[in-house]
Amino acid sequence: MRALLVGSPGRSPFSGHFRGRLDQGGASLAWAGRVKGSAAPEEAWAAAEAARDVMAAVSGEDRFGLIDGAWAALRTLERADLTVLLVARDPEGLSVAACGLADLRVGGEPAAEAGHPLFDEPGVRERPGYFHPTVSGQEWVGLPVGLKWPSGSVAVTCGARVAP
Protein backbone atom coordinates (compact mmCIF):
# COMPACT_ATOMS: atom_id res chain seq x y z
CA MET A 1 0.00 0.00 0.00
CA ARG A 2 1.27 3.47 -0.82
CA ALA A 3 -0.03 7.02 -0.76
CA LEU A 4 0.84 9.50 -3.50
CA LEU A 5 0.15 13.18 -4.03
CA VAL A 6 -0.09 14.87 -7.44
CA GLY A 7 2.70 17.40 -7.97
CA SER A 8 2.16 21.04 -8.85
CA PRO A 9 2.68 22.32 -12.38
CA GLY A 10 5.90 24.23 -13.03
CA ARG A 11 9.60 23.84 -12.52
CA SER A 12 9.41 22.47 -8.96
CA PRO A 13 6.43 20.09 -8.94
CA PHE A 14 7.48 18.29 -5.76
CA SER A 15 8.75 21.19 -3.70
CA GLY A 16 7.89 20.47 -0.06
CA HIS A 17 6.66 16.92 -0.78
CA PHE A 18 7.20 14.03 1.63
CA ARG A 19 5.88 10.49 1.73
CA GLY A 20 6.49 7.22 3.48
CA ARG A 21 5.09 4.13 5.09
CA LEU A 22 5.42 2.29 8.36
CA ASP A 23 4.24 -1.04 9.71
CA GLN A 24 3.65 -1.67 13.39
CA GLY A 25 2.33 -4.99 14.56
CA GLY A 26 -0.61 -5.80 12.33
CA ALA A 27 -1.25 -2.17 11.30
CA SER A 28 0.28 -0.05 8.57
CA LEU A 29 0.21 3.63 7.65
CA ALA A 30 1.10 5.20 4.31
CA TRP A 31 1.27 8.96 3.81
CA ALA A 32 2.00 11.58 1.19
CA GLY A 33 2.07 15.29 1.86
CA ARG A 34 3.26 18.73 0.95
CA VAL A 35 4.26 21.59 3.21
CA LYS A 36 5.61 24.99 2.17
CA GLY A 37 5.21 23.94 -1.46
CA SER A 38 5.25 27.54 -2.72
CA ALA A 39 8.27 28.59 -0.63
CA ALA A 40 11.83 28.88 -1.90
CA PRO A 41 13.33 25.45 -2.64
CA GLU A 42 15.61 25.50 0.41
CA GLU A 43 12.73 26.36 2.77
CA ALA A 44 10.42 23.78 1.17
CA TRP A 45 13.12 21.11 1.40
CA ALA A 46 13.73 21.87 5.09
CA ALA A 47 9.97 21.74 5.81
CA ALA A 48 9.63 18.41 3.98
CA GLU A 49 12.60 17.00 5.90
CA ALA A 50 11.02 18.11 9.19
CA ALA A 51 7.74 16.43 8.17
CA ARG A 52 9.59 13.26 7.24
CA ASP A 53 11.36 13.25 10.59
CA VAL A 54 8.21 13.70 12.69
CA MET A 55 6.38 11.04 10.68
CA ALA A 56 9.22 8.56 11.29
CA ALA A 57 8.40 8.70 15.02
CA VAL A 58 4.66 7.96 14.66
CA SER A 59 3.37 4.97 16.57
CA GLY A 60 0.00 3.37 17.22
CA GLU A 61 -1.52 0.00 18.00
CA ASP A 62 -4.14 0.03 15.24
CA ARG A 63 -5.17 2.11 12.21
CA PHE A 64 -6.88 4.73 14.39
CA GLY A 65 -3.85 5.02 16.67
CA LEU A 66 -1.54 5.44 13.68
CA ILE A 67 -3.71 8.19 12.17
CA ASP A 68 -4.04 9.95 15.54
CA GLY A 69 -0.26 9.66 16.00
CA ALA A 70 0.32 11.15 12.54
CA TRP A 71 -1.95 14.13 13.27
CA ALA A 72 -0.20 14.71 16.61
CA ALA A 73 3.19 14.63 14.86
CA LEU A 74 2.08 16.94 12.04
CA ARG A 75 0.69 19.47 14.54
CA THR A 76 4.27 20.12 15.65
CA LEU A 77 5.04 21.66 12.25
CA GLU A 78 4.10 25.01 10.79
CA ARG A 79 0.98 23.63 9.19
CA ALA A 80 -1.15 26.39 7.69
CA ASP A 81 -0.40 25.20 4.14
CA LEU A 82 -0.09 21.47 4.91
CA THR A 83 -1.70 19.03 2.51
CA VAL A 84 -1.52 15.40 3.54
CA LEU A 85 -3.11 12.04 2.79
CA LEU A 86 -3.03 9.33 5.49
CA VAL A 87 -4.10 5.77 4.66
CA ALA A 88 -4.09 3.21 7.48
CA ARG A 89 -4.95 -0.47 7.51
CA ASP A 90 -5.23 -3.13 10.18
CA PRO A 91 -6.93 -6.54 10.30
CA GLU A 92 -10.27 -4.83 11.08
CA GLY A 93 -10.29 -2.56 8.01
CA LEU A 94 -9.03 0.56 6.27
CA SER A 95 -9.32 4.24 7.21
CA VAL A 96 -8.30 7.42 5.43
CA ALA A 97 -7.75 10.92 6.74
CA ALA A 98 -6.58 14.03 4.91
CA CYS A 99 -6.39 17.78 4.69
CA GLY A 100 -5.94 19.98 1.64
CA LEU A 101 -7.34 17.52 -0.89
CA ALA A 102 -9.81 18.20 -3.68
CA ASP A 103 -10.12 14.55 -4.73
CA LEU A 104 -8.90 11.07 -3.85
CA ARG A 105 -8.62 8.02 -6.09
CA VAL A 106 -7.62 4.44 -5.59
CA GLY A 107 -6.81 2.31 -8.60
CA GLY A 108 -7.92 5.25 -10.77
CA GLU A 109 -11.44 5.20 -9.28
CA PRO A 110 -12.90 7.93 -7.04
CA ALA A 111 -12.78 6.98 -3.36
CA ALA A 112 -15.44 9.53 -2.32
CA GLU A 113 -18.04 11.74 -3.95
CA ALA A 114 -17.31 15.41 -4.68
CA GLY A 115 -18.16 17.54 -1.67
CA HIS A 116 -17.31 14.76 0.81
CA PRO A 117 -16.07 16.12 4.19
CA LEU A 118 -12.70 14.45 3.50
CA PHE A 119 -12.02 17.19 0.96
CA ASP A 120 -11.17 20.54 2.52
CA GLU A 121 -8.59 23.30 2.69
CA PRO A 122 -4.94 22.79 3.68
CA GLY A 123 -4.01 22.76 7.36
CA VAL A 124 -4.57 20.32 10.21
CA ARG A 125 -7.92 20.70 11.93
CA GLU A 126 -8.24 20.36 15.69
CA ARG A 127 -10.57 17.38 15.29
CA PRO A 128 -9.94 15.73 11.93
CA GLY A 129 -12.16 12.76 11.18
CA TYR A 130 -11.74 9.33 9.67
CA PHE A 131 -13.14 8.16 6.35
CA HIS A 132 -13.92 4.48 5.84
CA PRO A 133 -14.03 4.02 2.06
CA THR A 134 -16.01 1.28 0.42
CA VAL A 135 -13.33 0.89 -2.27
CA SER A 136 -9.91 -0.60 -1.65
CA GLY A 137 -6.61 -0.89 -3.40
CA GLN A 138 -2.88 -0.52 -3.04
CA GLU A 139 -2.24 2.89 -4.62
CA TRP A 140 -4.07 5.89 -3.10
CA VAL A 141 -3.61 9.18 -4.98
CA GLY A 142 -4.59 12.55 -3.57
CA LEU A 143 -5.22 15.67 -5.64
CA PRO A 144 -4.31 18.85 -3.74
CA VAL A 145 -6.77 21.73 -3.69
CA GLY A 146 -6.30 23.99 -6.71
CA LEU A 147 -4.86 21.32 -9.02
CA LYS A 148 -6.42 19.28 -11.81
CA TRP A 149 -5.95 15.61 -12.58
CA PRO A 150 -3.07 15.21 -15.01
CA SER A 151 -3.37 13.60 -18.37
CA GLY A 152 -1.03 10.69 -18.80
CA SER A 153 0.55 8.63 -16.06
CA VAL A 154 -0.67 9.68 -12.63
CA ALA A 155 2.24 7.84 -10.97
CA VAL A 156 4.74 9.94 -12.93
CA THR A 157 2.97 13.19 -12.01
CA CYS A 158 3.18 12.06 -8.38
CA GLY A 159 6.94 11.53 -8.65
CA ALA A 160 6.69 7.77 -8.26
CA ARG A 161 9.26 5.63 -9.94
CA VAL A 162 7.71 3.48 -12.60
CA ALA A 163 9.35 0.25 -13.77
CA PRO A 164 10.32 0.34 -17.46
C-alpha atoms as a PDB file:
ATOM      1  CA  MET A   1       0.000   0.000   0.000  1.00  0.00           C
ATOM      2  CA  ARG A   2       1.266   3.466  -0.817  1.00  0.00           C
ATOM      3  CA  ALA A   3      -0.028   7.021  -0.757  1.00  0.00           C
ATOM      4  CA  LEU A   4       0.842   9.503  -3.497  1.00  0.00           C
ATOM      5  CA  LEU A   5       0.150  13.185  -4.033  1.00  0.00           C
ATOM      6  CA  VAL A   6      -0.094  14.870  -7.440  1.00  0.00           C
ATOM      7  CA  GLY A   7       2.696  17.399  -7.967  1.00  0.00           C
ATOM      8  CA  SER A   8       2.160  21.042  -8.853  1.00  0.00           C
ATOM      9  CA  PRO A   9       2.683  22.324 -12.381  1.00  0.00           C
ATOM     10  CA  GLY A  10       5.903  24.231 -13.033  1.00  0.00           C
ATOM     11  CA  ARG A  11       9.602  23.838 -12.518  1.00  0.00           C
ATOM     12  CA  SER A  12       9.408  22.470  -8.960  1.00  0.00           C
ATOM     13  CA  PRO A  13       6.432  20.090  -8.944  1.00  0.00           C
ATOM     14  CA  PHE A  14       7.477  18.295  -5.761  1.00  0.00           C
ATOM     15  CA  SER A  15       8.747  21.189  -3.697  1.00  0.00           C
ATOM     16  CA  GLY A  16       7.889  20.466  -0.060  1.00  0.00           C
ATOM     17  CA  HIS A  17       6.663  16.920  -0.777  1.00  0.00           C
ATOM     18  CA  PHE A  18       7.203  14.029   1.631  1.00  0.00           C
ATOM     19  CA  ARG A  19       5.881  10.490   1.731  1.00  0.00           C
ATOM     20  CA  GLY A  20       6.485   7.224   3.483  1.00  0.00           C
ATOM     21  CA  ARG A  21       5.092   4.132   5.090  1.00  0.00           C
ATOM     22  CA  LEU A  22       5.416   2.295   8.362  1.00  0.00           C
ATOM     23  CA  ASP A  23       4.237  -1.039   9.713  1.00  0.00           C
ATOM     24  CA  GLN A  24       3.651  -1.671  13.395  1.00  0.00           C
ATOM     25  CA  GLY A  25       2.332  -4.992  14.557  1.00  0.00           C
ATOM     26  CA  GLY A  26      -0.614  -5.800  12.334  1.00  0.00           C
ATOM     27  CA  ALA A  27      -1.246  -2.170  11.298  1.00  0.00           C
ATOM     28  CA  SER A  28       0.285  -0.046   8.568  1.00  0.00           C
ATOM     29  CA  LEU A  29       0.207   3.634   7.646  1.00  0.00           C
ATOM     30  CA  ALA A  30       1.097   5.195   4.309  1.00  0.00           C
ATOM     31  CA  TRP A  31       1.271   8.964   3.809  1.00  0.00           C
ATOM     32  CA  ALA A  32       1.997  11.584   1.189  1.00  0.00           C
ATOM     33  CA  GLY A  33       2.067  15.287   1.863  1.00  0.00           C
ATOM     34  CA  ARG A  34       3.264  18.732   0.946  1.00  0.00           C
ATOM     35  CA  VAL A  35       4.260  21.593   3.214  1.00  0.00           C
ATOM     36  CA  LYS A  36       5.615  24.987   2.169  1.00  0.00           C
ATOM     37  CA  GLY A  37       5.213  23.942  -1.463  1.00  0.00           C
ATOM     38  CA  SER A  38       5.245  27.538  -2.725  1.00  0.00           C
ATOM     39  CA  ALA A  39       8.267  28.586  -0.629  1.00  0.00           C
ATOM     40  CA  ALA A  40      11.835  28.885  -1.896  1.00  0.00           C
ATOM     41  CA  PRO A  41      13.327  25.446  -2.640  1.00  0.00           C
ATOM     42  CA  GLU A  42      15.607  25.497   0.412  1.00  0.00           C
ATOM     43  CA  GLU A  43      12.732  26.364   2.767  1.00  0.00           C
ATOM     44  CA  ALA A  44      10.417  23.782   1.169  1.00  0.00           C
ATOM     45  CA  TRP A  45      13.119  21.108   1.397  1.00  0.00           C
ATOM     46  CA  ALA A  46      13.725  21.867   5.093  1.00  0.00           C
ATOM     47  CA  ALA A  47       9.974  21.736   5.809  1.00  0.00           C
ATOM     48  CA  ALA A  48       9.628  18.415   3.977  1.00  0.00           C
ATOM     49  CA  GLU A  49      12.603  17.000   5.902  1.00  0.00           C
ATOM     50  CA  ALA A  50      11.015  18.106   9.189  1.00  0.00           C
ATOM     51  CA  ALA A  51       7.742  16.432   8.169  1.00  0.00           C
ATOM     52  CA  ARG A  52       9.586  13.262   7.235  1.00  0.00           C
ATOM     53  CA  ASP A  53      11.363  13.255  10.591  1.00  0.00           C
ATOM     54  CA  VAL A  54       8.207  13.701  12.689  1.00  0.00           C
ATOM     55  CA  MET A  55       6.376  11.040  10.683  1.00  0.00           C
ATOM     56  CA  ALA A  56       9.222   8.561  11.290  1.00  0.00           C
ATOM     57  CA  ALA A  57       8.403   8.702  15.021  1.00  0.00           C
ATOM     58  CA  VAL A  58       4.664   7.956  14.656  1.00  0.00           C
ATOM     59  CA  SER A  59       3.369   4.970  16.573  1.00  0.00           C
ATOM     60  CA  GLY A  60       0.004   3.373  17.217  1.00  0.00           C
ATOM     61  CA  GLU A  61      -1.520   0.004  18.004  1.00  0.00           C
ATOM     62  CA  ASP A  62      -4.143   0.027  15.235  1.00  0.00           C
ATOM     63  CA  ARG A  63      -5.168   2.105  12.211  1.00  0.00           C
ATOM     64  CA  PHE A  64      -6.876   4.730  14.386  1.00  0.00           C
ATOM     65  CA  GLY A  65      -3.855   5.025  16.673  1.00  0.00           C
ATOM     66  CA  LEU A  66      -1.545   5.442  13.676  1.00  0.00           C
ATOM     67  CA  ILE A  67      -3.713   8.186  12.171  1.00  0.00           C
ATOM     68  CA  ASP A  68      -4.037   9.947  15.542  1.00  0.00           C
ATOM     69  CA  GLY A  69      -0.264   9.665  16.002  1.00  0.00           C
ATOM     70  CA  ALA A  70       0.320  11.145  12.544  1.00  0.00           C
ATOM     71  CA  TRP A  71      -1.954  14.129  13.272  1.00  0.00           C
ATOM     72  CA  ALA A  72      -0.195  14.710  16.607  1.00  0.00           C
ATOM     73  CA  ALA A  73       3.187  14.634  14.860  1.00  0.00           C
ATOM     74  CA  LEU A  74       2.080  16.938  12.040  1.00  0.00           C
ATOM     75  CA  ARG A  75       0.692  19.471  14.539  1.00  0.00           C
ATOM     76  CA  THR A  76       4.275  20.119  15.655  1.00  0.00           C
ATOM     77  CA  LEU A  77       5.043  21.659  12.247  1.00  0.00           C
ATOM     78  CA  GLU A  78       4.102  25.010  10.794  1.00  0.00           C
ATOM     79  CA  ARG A  79       0.983  23.633   9.190  1.00  0.00           C
ATOM     80  CA  ALA A  80      -1.148  26.387   7.687  1.00  0.00           C
ATOM     81  CA  ASP A  81      -0.402  25.199   4.141  1.00  0.00           C
ATOM     82  CA  LEU A  82      -0.085  21.473   4.911  1.00  0.00           C
ATOM     83  CA  THR A  83      -1.703  19.033   2.512  1.00  0.00           C
ATOM     84  CA  VAL A  84      -1.522  15.399   3.541  1.00  0.00           C
ATOM     85  CA  LEU A  85      -3.108  12.041   2.785  1.00  0.00           C
ATOM     86  CA  LEU A  86      -3.026   9.334   5.487  1.00  0.00           C
ATOM     87  CA  VAL A  87      -4.102   5.772   4.662  1.00  0.00           C
ATOM     88  CA  ALA A  88      -4.086   3.213   7.476  1.00  0.00           C
ATOM     89  CA  ARG A  89      -4.953  -0.474   7.509  1.00  0.00           C
ATOM     90  CA  ASP A  90      -5.227  -3.128  10.180  1.00  0.00           C
ATOM     91  CA  PRO A  91      -6.934  -6.540  10.295  1.00  0.00           C
ATOM     92  CA  GLU A  92     -10.266  -4.827  11.083  1.00  0.00           C
ATOM     93  CA  GLY A  93     -10.285  -2.555   8.007  1.00  0.00           C
ATOM     94  CA  LEU A  94      -9.032   0.562   6.274  1.00  0.00           C
ATOM     95  CA  SER A  95      -9.325   4.239   7.215  1.00  0.00           C
ATOM     96  CA  VAL A  96      -8.302   7.421   5.431  1.00  0.00           C
ATOM     97  CA  ALA A  97      -7.749  10.924   6.744  1.00  0.00           C
ATOM     98  CA  ALA A  98      -6.580  14.027   4.906  1.00  0.00           C
ATOM     99  CA  CYS A  99      -6.391  17.777   4.691  1.00  0.00           C
ATOM    100  CA  GLY A 100      -5.938  19.984   1.645  1.00  0.00           C
ATOM    101  CA  LEU A 101      -7.337  17.517  -0.889  1.00  0.00           C
ATOM    102  CA  ALA A 102      -9.811  18.199  -3.682  1.00  0.00           C
ATOM    103  CA  ASP A 103     -10.119  14.546  -4.729  1.00  0.00           C
ATOM    104  CA  LEU A 104      -8.900  11.065  -3.855  1.00  0.00           C
ATOM    105  CA  ARG A 105      -8.624   8.024  -6.093  1.00  0.00           C
ATOM    106  CA  VAL A 106      -7.617   4.441  -5.587  1.00  0.00           C
ATOM    107  CA  GLY A 107      -6.808   2.311  -8.601  1.00  0.00           C
ATOM    108  CA  GLY A 108      -7.924   5.245 -10.771  1.00  0.00           C
ATOM    109  CA  GLU A 109     -11.442   5.198  -9.285  1.00  0.00           C
ATOM    110  CA  PRO A 110     -12.896   7.930  -7.042  1.00  0.00           C
ATOM    111  CA  ALA A 111     -12.782   6.980  -3.358  1.00  0.00           C
ATOM    112  CA  ALA A 112     -15.435   9.526  -2.321  1.00  0.00           C
ATOM    113  CA  GLU A 113     -18.040  11.738  -3.946  1.00  0.00           C
ATOM    114  CA  ALA A 114     -17.310  15.412  -4.679  1.00  0.00           C
ATOM    115  CA  GLY A 115     -18.163  17.543  -1.665  1.00  0.00           C
ATOM    116  CA  HIS A 116     -17.312  14.762   0.811  1.00  0.00           C
ATOM    117  CA  PRO A 117     -16.073  16.124   4.192  1.00  0.00           C
ATOM    118  CA  LEU A 118     -12.704  14.454   3.500  1.00  0.00           C
ATOM    119  CA  PHE A 119     -12.022  17.193   0.965  1.00  0.00           C
ATOM    120  CA  ASP A 120     -11.167  20.541   2.517  1.00  0.00           C
ATOM    121  CA  GLU A 121      -8.594  23.296   2.688  1.00  0.00           C
ATOM    122  CA  PRO A 122      -4.943  22.795   3.683  1.00  0.00           C
ATOM    123  CA  GLY A 123      -4.009  22.762   7.359  1.00  0.00           C
ATOM    124  CA  VAL A 124      -4.574  20.318  10.209  1.00  0.00           C
ATOM    125  CA  ARG A 125      -7.923  20.697  11.934  1.00  0.00           C
ATOM    126  CA  GLU A 126      -8.236  20.364  15.692  1.00  0.00           C
ATOM    127  CA  ARG A 127     -10.569  17.385  15.286  1.00  0.00           C
ATOM    128  CA  PRO A 128      -9.940  15.729  11.926  1.00  0.00           C
ATOM    129  CA  GLY A 129     -12.158  12.759  11.175  1.00  0.00           C
ATOM    130  CA  TYR A 130     -11.744   9.332   9.669  1.00  0.00           C
ATOM    131  CA  PHE A 131     -13.143   8.159   6.353  1.00  0.00           C
ATOM    132  CA  HIS A 132     -13.921   4.483   5.843  1.00  0.00           C
ATOM    133  CA  PRO A 133     -14.031   4.015   2.063  1.00  0.00           C
ATOM    134  CA  THR A 134     -16.014   1.277   0.421  1.00  0.00           C
ATOM    135  CA  VAL A 135     -13.332   0.891  -2.267  1.00  0.00           C
ATOM    136  CA  SER A 136      -9.913  -0.596  -1.649  1.00  0.00           C
ATOM    137  CA  GLY A 137      -6.606  -0.888  -3.396  1.00  0.00           C
ATOM    138  CA  GLN A 138      -2.884  -0.525  -3.038  1.00  0.00           C
ATOM    139  CA  GLU A 139      -2.243   2.890  -4.615  1.00  0.00           C
ATOM    140  CA  TRP A 140      -4.070   5.889  -3.104  1.00  0.00           C
ATOM    141  CA  VAL A 141      -3.613   9.176  -4.981  1.00  0.00           C
ATOM    142  CA  GLY A 142      -4.591  12.554  -3.568  1.00  0.00           C
ATOM    143  CA  LEU A 143      -5.216  15.670  -5.639  1.00  0.00           C
ATOM    144  CA  PRO A 144      -4.309  18.854  -3.745  1.00  0.00           C
ATOM    145  CA  VAL A 145      -6.772  21.734  -3.686  1.00  0.00           C
ATOM    146  CA  GLY A 146      -6.296  23.990  -6.714  1.00  0.00           C
ATOM    147  CA  LEU A 147      -4.859  21.319  -9.023  1.00  0.00           C
ATOM    148  CA  LYS A 148      -6.418  19.278 -11.814  1.00  0.00           C
ATOM    149  CA  TRP A 149      -5.954  15.612 -12.584  1.00  0.00           C
ATOM    150  CA  PRO A 150      -3.074  15.213 -15.014  1.00  0.00           C
ATOM    151  CA  SER A 151      -3.370  13.598 -18.372  1.00  0.00           C
ATOM    152  CA  GLY A 152      -1.028  10.690 -18.796  1.00  0.00           C
ATOM    153  CA  SER A 153       0.546   8.633 -16.056  1.00  0.00           C
ATOM    154  CA  VAL A 154      -0.668   9.680 -12.626  1.00  0.00           C
ATOM    155  CA  ALA A 155       2.236   7.837 -10.973  1.00  0.00           C
ATOM    156  CA  VAL A 156       4.741   9.943 -12.931  1.00  0.00           C
ATOM    157  CA  THR A 157       2.973  13.189 -12.009  1.00  0.00           C
ATOM    158  CA  CYS A 158       3.184  12.057  -8.381  1.00  0.00           C
ATOM    159  CA  GLY A 159       6.941  11.535  -8.646  1.00  0.00           C
ATOM    160  CA  ALA A 160       6.688   7.774  -8.265  1.00  0.00           C
ATOM    161  CA  ARG A 161       9.257   5.633  -9.936  1.00  0.00           C
ATOM    162  CA  VAL A 162       7.705   3.483 -12.601  1.00  0.00           C
ATOM    163  CA  ALA A 163       9.353   0.251 -13.770  1.00  0.00           C
ATOM    164  CA  PRO A 164      10.323   0.341 -17.460  1.00  0.00           C
END
